[in-house]
Amino acid sequence: MPRIEAPTLAEHHALRRAAILDAAVAVLGSEGPGALTPAAVAAAAGLARSSVYQYFSSTAELVAAGVEETFRRAISGIETALATAATPREKILAFVSGALDAAASGHEPMSVYAAADLPEECRAAVADLHRRATRPLVEPLEELGVPEPWATAELIGGLVSTAALQVARGEPLDAARARVQRFVLNALSL
């Protein structure tokens, strides 16, 4: 009989599920959605593959949960970065910083997830999570009267994604962050 690693069975299941999600997020960040399999996640979590199937009945369900968790973590990081920002300018800079941190730590651009073979309900959830992640940038753009704030926010997101690629190639994160922030401020005439 397997060992229970928590005071209660419910806590044990919660810990196992969290470990599987952590491993799924790690595999997504390092290898992308195509590499996210129950076997890869089990190996990353130090569990038997059958343990993954106790929590996720299919590869598609596991990929969906991993992608959604990646977005939730990115949103949390952005919210943390925005916590002390007061002015629209500060909010834009904080958003860029938080989004770049998320991207540099493995949050892929929306286009990568759109190309993944995700169940339809996950695609809808990811689209909603993407809107939630972008909204904190749209709001200060609206406050500043920037035309087409959603489109502008998506362009800024593209800059962040490109900076994350530069970081992955060895560019120091702080240098990439400063460059994107300067570029965005100049583009918005701030």
C-alpha atoms as a PDB file:
ATOM      1  CA  MET A   1       0.000   0.000   0.000  1.00  0.00           C
ATOM      2  CA  PRO A   2       1.402   3.437  -0.907  1.00  0.00           C
ATOM      3  CA  ARG A   3       2.506   5.731   1.865  1.00  0.00           C
ATOM      4  CA  ILE A   4       0.349   8.709   2.705  1.00  0.00           C
ATOM      5  CA  GLU A   5       2.625  11.756   2.827  1.00  0.00           C
ATOM      6  CA  ALA A   6       0.286  14.086   4.742  1.00  0.00           C
ATOM      7  CA  PRO A   7      -1.841  14.000   7.890  1.00  0.00           C
ATOM      8  CA  THR A   8      -5.018  13.208   5.920  1.00  0.00           C
ATOM      9  CA  LEU A   9      -5.807  11.482   2.648  1.00  0.00           C
ATOM     10  CA  ALA A  10      -7.321  14.681   1.261  1.00  0.00           C
ATOM     11  CA  GLU A  11      -4.118  16.607   2.038  1.00  0.00           C
ATOM     12  CA  HIS A  12      -2.054  13.811   0.499  1.00  0.00           C
ATOM     13  CA  HIS A  13      -4.101  14.026  -2.722  1.00  0.00           C
ATOM     14  CA  ALA A  14      -3.781  17.818  -2.767  1.00  0.00           C
ATOM     15  CA  LEU A  15       0.013  17.549  -2.371  1.00  0.00           C
ATOM     16  CA  ARG A  16       0.263  14.954  -5.137  1.00  0.00           C
ATOM     17  CA  ARG A  17      -1.899  16.986  -7.503  1.00  0.00           C
ATOM     18  CA  ALA A  18       0.179  20.099  -6.756  1.00  0.00           C
ATOM     19  CA  ALA A  19       3.415  18.167  -7.413  1.00  0.00           C
ATOM     20  CA  ILE A  20       2.036  16.945 -10.730  1.00  0.00           C
ATOM     21  CA  LEU A  21       0.987  20.471 -11.716  1.00  0.00           C
ATOM     22  CA  ASP A  22       4.409  21.832 -10.699  1.00  0.00           C
ATOM     23  CA  ALA A  23       6.042  19.204 -12.890  1.00  0.00           C
ATOM     24  CA  ALA A  24       3.648  19.954 -15.765  1.00  0.00           C
ATOM     25  CA  VAL A  25       4.473  23.658 -15.556  1.00  0.00           C
ATOM     26  CA  ALA A  26       8.194  22.840 -15.508  1.00  0.00           C
ATOM     27  CA  VAL A  27       7.917  20.600 -18.578  1.00  0.00           C
ATOM     28  CA  LEU A  28       5.866  23.242 -20.401  1.00  0.00           C
ATOM     29  CA  GLY A  29       8.431  25.902 -19.577  1.00  0.00           C
ATOM     30  CA  SER A  30      11.451  23.881 -20.596  1.00  0.00           C
ATOM     31  CA  GLU A  31      10.149  21.795 -23.489  1.00  0.00           C
ATOM     32  CA  GLY A  32       6.767  23.195 -24.598  1.00  0.00           C
ATOM     33  CA  PRO A  33       3.279  21.722 -24.887  1.00  0.00           C
ATOM     34  CA  GLY A  34       4.312  18.934 -27.284  1.00  0.00           C
ATOM     35  CA  ALA A  35       6.557  17.373 -24.632  1.00  0.00           C
ATOM     36  CA  LEU A  36       3.914  17.392 -21.905  1.00  0.00           C
ATOM     37  CA  THR A  37       3.048  13.716 -21.493  1.00  0.00           C
ATOM     38  CA  PRO A  38       2.062  11.733 -18.418  1.00  0.00           C
ATOM     39  CA  ALA A  39       5.419   9.927 -18.590  1.00  0.00           C
ATOM     40  CA  ALA A  40       7.416  13.187 -18.759  1.00  0.00           C
ATOM     41  CA  VAL A  41       5.422  14.733 -15.923  1.00  0.00           C
ATOM     42  CA  ALA A  42       5.690  11.594 -13.791  1.00  0.00           C
ATOM     43  CA  ALA A  43       9.463  11.560 -14.275  1.00  0.00           C
ATOM     44  CA  ALA A  44       9.722  15.260 -13.402  1.00  0.00           C
ATOM     45  CA  ALA A  45       7.551  14.758 -10.297  1.00  0.00           C
ATOM     46  CA  GLY A  46       9.355  11.596  -9.202  1.00  0.00           C
ATOM     47  CA  LEU A  47       6.172   9.532  -9.453  1.00  0.00           C
ATOM     48  CA  ALA A  48       4.999   6.495 -11.368  1.00  0.00           C
ATOM     49  CA  ARG A  49       3.156   7.274 -14.591  1.00  0.00           C
ATOM     50  CA  SER A  50       0.073   5.542 -13.201  1.00  0.00           C
ATOM     51  CA  SER A  51       0.037   8.125 -10.383  1.00  0.00           C
ATOM     52  CA  VAL A  52      -0.454  10.915 -12.929  1.00  0.00           C
ATOM     53  CA  TYR A  53      -3.480   9.080 -14.356  1.00  0.00           C
ATOM     54  CA  GLN A  54      -5.058   9.022 -10.891  1.00  0.00           C
ATOM     55  CA  TYR A  55      -5.375  12.808 -11.142  1.00  0.00           C
ATOM     56  CA  PHE A  56      -5.631  13.402 -14.909  1.00  0.00           C
ATOM     57  CA  SER A  57      -7.411  10.827 -17.053  1.00  0.00           C
ATOM     58  CA  SER A  58      -5.738  11.747 -20.352  1.00  0.00           C
ATOM     59  CA  THR A  59      -2.792  13.572 -21.851  1.00  0.00           C
ATOM     60  CA  ALA A  60      -5.172  16.265 -23.129  1.00  0.00           C
ATOM     61  CA  GLU A  61      -6.527  16.820 -19.616  1.00  0.00           C
ATOM     62  CA  LEU A  62      -2.989  17.028 -18.229  1.00  0.00           C
ATOM     63  CA  VAL A  63      -1.895  19.504 -20.930  1.00  0.00           C
ATOM     64  CA  ALA A  64      -5.000  21.612 -20.291  1.00  0.00           C
ATOM     65  CA  ALA A  65      -4.353  21.688 -16.543  1.00  0.00           C
ATOM     66  CA  GLY A  66      -0.660  22.533 -17.062  1.00  0.00           C
ATOM     67  CA  VAL A  67      -1.397  25.357 -19.502  1.00  0.00           C
ATOM     68  CA  GLU A  68      -4.099  26.801 -17.252  1.00  0.00           C
ATOM     69  CA  GLU A  69      -1.809  26.617 -14.216  1.00  0.00           C
ATOM     70  CA  THR A  70       0.964  28.356 -16.162  1.00  0.00           C
ATOM     71  CA  PHE A  71      -1.428  31.213 -16.964  1.00  0.00           C
ATOM     72  CA  ARG A  72      -2.614  31.419 -13.350  1.00  0.00           C
ATOM     73  CA  ARG A  73       0.979  31.727 -12.162  1.00  0.00           C
ATOM     74  CA  ALA A  74       1.751  34.385 -14.769  1.00  0.00           C
ATOM     75  CA  ILE A  75      -1.322  36.369 -13.705  1.00  0.00           C
ATOM     76  CA  SER A  76      -0.305  36.083 -10.068  1.00  0.00           C
ATOM     77  CA  GLY A  77       3.176  37.399 -10.896  1.00  0.00           C
ATOM     78  CA  ILE A  78       1.732  40.304 -12.849  1.00  0.00           C
ATOM     79  CA  GLU A  79      -0.647  41.130  -9.987  1.00  0.00           C
ATOM     80  CA  THR A  80       2.258  41.072  -7.534  1.00  0.00           C
ATOM     81  CA  ALA A  81       4.272  43.410  -9.765  1.00  0.00           C
ATOM     82  CA  LEU A  82       1.294  45.777 -10.011  1.00  0.00           C
ATOM     83  CA  ALA A  83       0.550  45.811  -6.269  1.00  0.00           C
ATOM     84  CA  THR A  84       2.369  49.086  -5.568  1.00  0.00           C
ATOM     85  CA  ALA A  85       1.897  50.815  -8.923  1.00  0.00           C
ATOM     86  CA  ALA A  86      -0.311  53.908  -8.674  1.00  0.00           C
ATOM     87  CA  THR A  87      -0.067  55.947 -11.868  1.00  0.00           C
ATOM     88  CA  PRO A  88      -0.757  54.678 -15.395  1.00  0.00           C
ATOM     89  CA  ARG A  89       2.970  54.972 -16.193  1.00  0.00           C
ATOM     90  CA  GLU A  90       3.914  52.925 -13.097  1.00  0.00           C
ATOM     91  CA  LYS A  91       1.258  50.331 -13.964  1.00  0.00           C
ATOM     92  CA  ILE A  92       2.596  49.946 -17.498  1.00  0.00           C
ATOM     93  CA  LEU A  93       6.167  49.547 -16.247  1.00  0.00           C
ATOM     94  CA  ALA A  94       5.064  47.086 -13.561  1.00  0.00           C
ATOM     95  CA  PHE A  95       3.047  45.090 -16.078  1.00  0.00           C
ATOM     96  CA  VAL A  96       6.026  44.840 -18.438  1.00  0.00           C
ATOM     97  CA  SER A  97       8.229  43.751 -15.544  1.00  0.00           C
ATOM     98  CA  GLY A  98       5.803  41.133 -14.226  1.00  0.00           C
ATOM     99  CA  ALA A  99       4.962  39.814 -17.687  1.00  0.00           C
ATOM    100  CA  LEU A 100       8.640  39.540 -18.624  1.00  0.00           C
ATOM    101  CA  ASP A 101       9.383  37.680 -15.395  1.00  0.00           C
ATOM    102  CA  ALA A 102       6.544  35.261 -16.219  1.00  0.00           C
ATOM    103  CA  ALA A 103       7.690  34.842 -19.813  1.00  0.00           C
ATOM    104  CA  ALA A 104      11.324  34.342 -18.794  1.00  0.00           C
ATOM    105  CA  SER A 105      10.280  31.672 -16.298  1.00  0.00           C
ATOM    106  CA  GLY A 106       8.422  29.634 -18.911  1.00  0.00           C
ATOM    107  CA  HIS A 107       5.068  31.233 -19.653  1.00  0.00           C
ATOM    108  CA  GLU A 108       4.784  30.826 -23.392  1.00  0.00           C
ATOM    109  CA  PRO A 109       3.064  33.369 -25.629  1.00  0.00           C
ATOM    110  CA  MET A 110      -0.600  32.774 -26.396  1.00  0.00           C
ATOM    111  CA  SER A 111       0.311  31.713 -29.966  1.00  0.00           C
ATOM    112  CA  VAL A 112       2.192  28.647 -28.678  1.00  0.00           C
ATOM    113  CA  TYR A 113      -0.805  27.496 -26.657  1.00  0.00           C
ATOM    114  CA  ALA A 114      -3.184  28.221 -29.531  1.00  0.00           C
ATOM    115  CA  ALA A 115      -1.178  25.810 -31.685  1.00  0.00           C
ATOM    116  CA  ALA A 116      -1.204  23.061 -29.029  1.00  0.00           C
ATOM    117  CA  ASP A 117      -3.756  20.276 -29.256  1.00  0.00           C
ATOM    118  CA  LEU A 118      -5.949  21.455 -26.385  1.00  0.00           C
ATOM    119  CA  PRO A 119      -9.520  20.406 -25.676  1.00  0.00           C
ATOM    120  CA  GLU A 120     -12.071  23.064 -26.675  1.00  0.00           C
ATOM    121  CA  GLU A 121     -12.984  23.870 -23.051  1.00  0.00           C
ATOM    122  CA  CYS A 122      -9.297  24.460 -22.308  1.00  0.00           C
ATOM    123  CA  ARG A 123      -8.979  26.753 -25.343  1.00  0.00           C
ATOM    124  CA  ALA A 124     -11.862  28.809 -23.961  1.00  0.00           C
ATOM    125  CA  ALA A 125     -10.281  28.864 -20.488  1.00  0.00           C
ATOM    126  CA  VAL A 126      -6.900  29.889 -21.928  1.00  0.00           C
ATOM    127  CA  ALA A 127      -8.506  32.679 -23.969  1.00  0.00           C
ATOM    128  CA  ASP A 128     -10.220  33.923 -20.806  1.00  0.00           C
ATOM    129  CA  LEU A 129      -6.994  33.683 -18.796  1.00  0.00           C
ATOM    130  CA  HIS A 130      -5.161  35.581 -21.565  1.00  0.00           C
ATOM    131  CA  ARG A 131      -7.753  38.381 -21.349  1.00  0.00           C
ATOM    132  CA  ARG A 132      -7.377  38.411 -17.548  1.00  0.00           C
ATOM    133  CA  ALA A 133      -3.587  38.603 -17.903  1.00  0.00           C
ATOM    134  CA  THR A 134      -3.811  41.466 -20.421  1.00  0.00           C
ATOM    135  CA  ARG A 135      -6.504  43.525 -18.670  1.00  0.00           C
ATOM    136  CA  PRO A 136      -4.099  45.128 -16.148  1.00  0.00           C
ATOM    137  CA  LEU A 137      -2.195  46.627 -19.083  1.00  0.00           C
ATOM    138  CA  VAL A 138      -5.283  47.710 -20.990  1.00  0.00           C
ATOM    139  CA  GLU A 139      -6.626  49.722 -18.038  1.00  0.00           C
ATOM    140  CA  PRO A 140      -3.719  52.219 -17.794  1.00  0.00           C
ATOM    141  CA  LEU A 141      -3.640  52.475 -21.588  1.00  0.00           C
ATOM    142  CA  GLU A 142      -7.325  53.432 -21.473  1.00  0.00           C
ATOM    143  CA  GLU A 143      -6.633  55.937 -18.694  1.00  0.00           C
ATOM    144  CA  LEU A 144      -4.012  57.564 -20.913  1.00  0.00           C
ATOM    145  CA  GLY A 145      -6.409  57.690 -23.863  1.00  0.00           C
ATOM    146  CA  VAL A 146      -4.268  55.406 -26.023  1.00  0.00           C
ATOM    147  CA  PRO A 147      -6.206  54.521 -29.184  1.00  0.00           C
ATOM    148  CA  GLU A 148      -7.069  50.820 -29.510  1.00  0.00           C
ATOM    149  CA  PRO A 149      -5.812  49.842 -26.051  1.00  0.00           C
ATOM    150  CA  TRP A 150      -6.332  46.078 -26.518  1.00  0.00           C
ATOM    151  CA  ALA A 151      -4.388  46.058 -29.780  1.00  0.00           C
ATOM    152  CA  THR A 152      -1.655  48.175 -28.194  1.00  0.00           C
ATOM    153  CA  ALA A 153      -1.520  45.807 -25.206  1.00  0.00           C
ATOM    154  CA  GLU A 154      -1.068  42.871 -27.586  1.00  0.00           C
ATOM    155  CA  LEU A 155       1.808  44.681 -29.317  1.00  0.00           C
ATOM    156  CA  ILE A 156       3.446  45.254 -25.927  1.00  0.00           C
ATOM    157  CA  GLY A 157       2.910  41.565 -25.190  1.00  0.00           C
ATOM    158  CA  GLY A 158       4.805  40.770 -28.385  1.00  0.00           C
ATOM    159  CA  LEU A 159       7.706  42.923 -27.179  1.00  0.00           C
ATOM    160  CA  VAL A 160       7.713  41.066 -23.874  1.00  0.00           C
ATOM    161  CA  SER A 161       7.735  37.710 -25.701  1.00  0.00           C
ATOM    162  CA  THR A 162      10.663  38.815 -27.854  1.00  0.00           C
ATOM    163  CA  ALA A 163      12.565  40.027 -24.793  1.00  0.00           C
ATOM    164  CA  ALA A 164      11.937  36.641 -23.137  1.00  0.00           C
ATOM    165  CA  LEU A 165      13.522  34.942 -26.168  1.00  0.00           C
ATOM    166  CA  GLN A 166      16.518  37.255 -25.821  1.00  0.00           C
ATOM    167  CA  VAL A 167      16.797  36.286 -22.145  1.00  0.00           C
ATOM    168  CA  ALA A 168      16.619  32.605 -23.106  1.00  0.00           C
ATOM    169  CA  ARG A 169      19.561  33.222 -25.467  1.00  0.00           C
ATOM    170  CA  GLY A 170      21.631  34.692 -22.629  1.00  0.00           C
ATOM    171  CA  GLU A 171      20.628  38.362 -22.404  1.00  0.00           C
ATOM    172  CA  PRO A 172      20.528  39.483 -18.759  1.00  0.00           C
ATOM    173  CA  LEU A 173      16.917  39.764 -17.593  1.00  0.00           C
ATOM    174  CA  ASP A 174      17.375  43.239 -16.111  1.00  0.00           C
ATOM    175  CA  ALA A 175      18.859  44.572 -19.358  1.00  0.00           C
ATOM    176  CA  ALA A 176      15.991  43.137 -21.403  1.00  0.00           C
ATOM    177  CA  ARG A 177      13.456  44.535 -18.927  1.00  0.00           C
ATOM    178  CA  ALA A 178      14.978  48.033 -19.091  1.00  0.00           C
ATOM    179  CA  ARG A 179      15.081  47.951 -22.890  1.00  0.00           C
ATOM    180  CA  VAL A 180      11.411  46.913 -23.232  1.00  0.00           C
ATOM    181  CA  GLN A 181      10.292  49.458 -20.646  1.00  0.00           C
ATOM    182  CA  ARG A 182      12.199  52.243 -22.456  1.00  0.00           C
ATOM    183  CA  PHE A 183      10.778  51.177 -25.788  1.00  0.00           C
ATOM    184  CA  VAL A 184       7.199  51.086 -24.472  1.00  0.00           C
ATOM    185  CA  LEU A 185       7.503  54.457 -22.733  1.00  0.00           C
ATOM    186  CA  ASN A 186       8.948  56.024 -25.895  1.00  0.00           C
ATOM    187  CA  ALA A 187       6.258  54.450 -28.088  1.00  0.00           C
ATOM    188  CA  LEU A 188       3.546  55.807 -25.783  1.00  0.00           C
ATOM    189  CA  SER A 189       5.297  59.203 -25.469  1.00  0.00           C
ATOM    190  CA  LEU A 190       5.481  58.868 -21.678  1.00  0.00           C
END
